Protein backbone atom coordinates (compact mmCIF):
# COMPACT_ATOMS: atom_id res chain seq x y z
CA UNK A 1 0.00 0.00 0.00
CA UNK A 2 2.83 2.38 0.88
CA UNK A 3 4.48 1.78 -2.54
CA UNK A 4 1.22 2.65 -4.32
CA UNK A 5 0.89 5.84 -2.29
CA UNK A 6 4.50 6.86 -3.11
CA UNK A 7 3.96 6.12 -6.79
CA UNK A 8 0.71 8.12 -6.83
CA UNK A 9 2.43 11.04 -5.08
CA UNK A 10 5.26 10.94 -7.61
CA UNK A 11 2.86 10.93 -10.57
CA UNK A 12 0.89 13.86 -9.11
CA UNK A 13 4.14 15.78 -8.56
CA UNK A 14 5.14 15.29 -12.21
CA UNK A 15 1.72 16.32 -13.48
CA UNK A 16 1.61 19.47 -11.36
CA UNK A 17 5.17 20.41 -12.27
CA UNK A 18 4.84 19.68 -16.02
CA UNK A 19 2.72 22.65 -17.07
CA UNK A 20 3.02 26.28 -16.21
CA UNK A 21 -0.15 28.28 -15.62
CA UNK A 22 1.80 31.42 -16.51
CA UNK A 23 2.44 30.26 -20.10
CA UNK A 24 1.44 33.29 -22.16
CA UNK A 25 1.40 31.66 -25.60
CA UNK A 26 3.59 31.80 -28.67
CA UNK A 27 6.65 34.01 -28.90
CA UNK A 28 6.36 34.50 -32.68
CA UNK A 29 3.90 35.17 -35.48
CA UNK A 30 4.00 34.49 -39.21
CA UNK A 31 4.23 37.23 -41.83
CA UNK A 32 4.45 37.50 -45.61
CA UNK A 33 7.87 38.59 -46.88
CA UNK A 34 8.27 40.91 -49.85
CA UNK A 35 9.55 39.17 -52.99
CA UNK A 36 11.81 41.38 -55.12
CA UNK A 37 12.80 38.99 -57.90
CA UNK A 38 12.21 35.48 -59.17
CA UNK A 39 14.20 33.28 -61.49
CA UNK A 40 12.03 31.00 -63.61
CA UNK A 41 12.82 29.13 -66.84
CA UNK A 42 11.85 30.72 -70.18
CA UNK A 43 9.65 27.68 -70.84
CA UNK A 44 8.62 24.38 -69.27
CA UNK A 45 8.49 20.81 -70.56
CA UNK A 46 5.51 18.69 -69.56
CA UNK A 47 6.08 16.29 -66.62
CA UNK A 48 9.42 17.88 -65.70
CA UNK A 49 10.37 19.39 -62.33
CA UNK A 50 12.05 22.78 -62.15
CA UNK A 51 13.75 24.75 -59.39
CA UNK A 52 12.40 28.28 -59.02
CA UNK A 53 14.65 30.71 -57.14
CA UNK A 54 13.20 33.70 -55.33
CA UNK A 55 14.86 36.78 -53.79
CA UNK A 56 12.94 38.14 -50.81
CA UNK A 57 13.44 40.79 -48.13
CA UNK A 58 13.52 40.27 -44.37
CA UNK A 59 12.62 43.53 -42.58
CA UNK A 60 14.80 42.94 -39.49
CA UNK A 61 17.05 40.54 -37.61
CA UNK A 62 14.09 39.05 -35.68
CA UNK A 63 12.42 37.70 -38.83
CA UNK A 64 13.37 34.21 -40.02
CA UNK A 65 12.55 32.57 -43.34
CA UNK A 66 10.18 29.60 -42.93
CA UNK A 67 9.30 28.55 -46.48
CA UNK A 68 6.91 29.27 -49.32
CA UNK A 69 3.14 29.20 -49.51
CA UNK A 70 2.29 28.26 -53.10
CA UNK A 71 -1.46 28.43 -53.71
CA UNK A 72 -3.21 27.06 -56.78
CA UNK A 73 -5.57 29.91 -57.77
CA UNK A 74 -6.79 28.16 -60.92
CA UNK A 75 -5.61 25.37 -63.22
CA UNK A 76 -2.27 27.00 -64.11
CA UNK A 77 -2.14 30.11 -61.89
CA UNK A 78 -0.01 29.96 -58.74
CA UNK A 79 0.31 32.63 -56.05
CA UNK A 80 3.68 32.45 -54.31
CA UNK A 81 4.35 34.03 -50.90
CA UNK A 82 7.59 33.80 -48.93
CA UNK A 83 6.71 33.19 -45.27
CA UNK A 84 8.68 34.52 -42.33
CA UNK A 85 8.40 33.95 -38.58
CA UNK A 86 8.82 37.08 -36.47
CA UNK A 87 10.14 36.57 -32.93
CA UNK A 88 8.16 38.70 -30.48
CA UNK A 89 10.24 37.91 -27.41
CA UNK A 90 13.33 39.84 -28.57
CA UNK A 91 13.54 43.57 -27.91
CA UNK A 92 16.73 44.54 -29.73
CA UNK A 93 15.93 43.70 -33.37
CA UNK A 94 18.12 45.46 -35.89
CA UNK A 95 15.77 47.08 -38.41
CA UNK A 96 17.42 46.65 -41.78
CA UNK A 97 16.29 45.11 -45.03
CA UNK A 98 18.12 41.83 -45.57
CA UNK A 99 17.85 40.27 -49.03
CA UNK A 100 18.04 36.48 -49.17
CA UNK A 101 17.43 33.79 -51.75
CA UNK A 102 15.46 30.56 -51.44
CA UNK A 103 14.00 28.12 -53.93
CA UNK A 104 11.24 25.58 -54.37
CA UNK A 105 10.63 22.76 -56.83
CA UNK A 106 7.74 22.97 -59.27
CA UNK A 107 6.39 20.08 -61.35
CA UNK A 108 4.68 20.83 -64.67
CA UNK A 109 1.53 18.75 -65.09
CA UNK A 110 -0.56 20.83 -67.56
CA UNK A 111 0.09 21.89 -71.16
CA UNK A 112 -1.29 25.43 -70.76
CA UNK A 113 1.08 28.31 -69.85
CA UNK A 114 1.65 28.81 -66.12
CA UNK A 115 1.20 32.21 -64.46
CA UNK A 116 3.16 32.81 -61.27
CA UNK A 117 2.05 35.68 -59.05
CA UNK A 118 4.87 36.53 -56.63
CA UNK A 119 3.83 38.63 -53.61
CA UNK A 120 5.62 42.03 -53.71
CA UNK A 121 4.01 43.57 -50.62
CA UNK A 122 1.01 45.76 -49.95
CA UNK A 123 0.34 49.06 -51.70
CA UNK A 124 -0.61 52.31 -49.91
CA UNK A 125 -4.24 51.12 -49.71
CA UNK A 126 -3.21 47.91 -47.96
CA UNK A 127 -3.93 45.72 -50.99
CA UNK A 128 -1.56 42.96 -52.02
CA UNK A 129 0.54 43.54 -55.12
CA UNK A 130 2.06 40.78 -57.24
CA UNK A 131 4.80 40.40 -59.83
CA UNK A 132 3.36 38.19 -62.58
CA UNK A 133 5.49 35.93 -64.75
CA UNK A 134 3.98 33.74 -67.46
CA UNK A 135 5.89 30.62 -68.48
CA UNK A 136 4.77 28.74 -71.63
CA UNK A 137 4.80 24.94 -71.79
CA UNK A 138 6.52 23.38 -74.80
CA UNK A 139 4.40 21.08 -76.94
CA UNK A 140 5.52 17.44 -76.70
């Protein structure tokens, strides 16, 4: 009986010590990063995979690149946004634009030309602006 009581007390101690009531949530949030340039092929071949390189801007030293969000808007239209994570628990962020390059792979599965809409930022009205690049697909 005494062993069961000690085991129960130990389990309760671990449970009570495992979580903090003062946990105030995440110390970051996601943001869209401004894309300044993209390198895409002049044309695609059907069923091939291509690497698309993108130059984007980080606004400060507390923003970290996380990846791309590539959304299929229609059959051959893709919206591309570079995603950053902004640390909110750091007070001394150096505010400077830092240009970096990243890439993603893209597989061509349709014969129609592809339109890529790369997020360039918001205009003065707060509306998203895009750099559009159309890439034709070679006939087999």
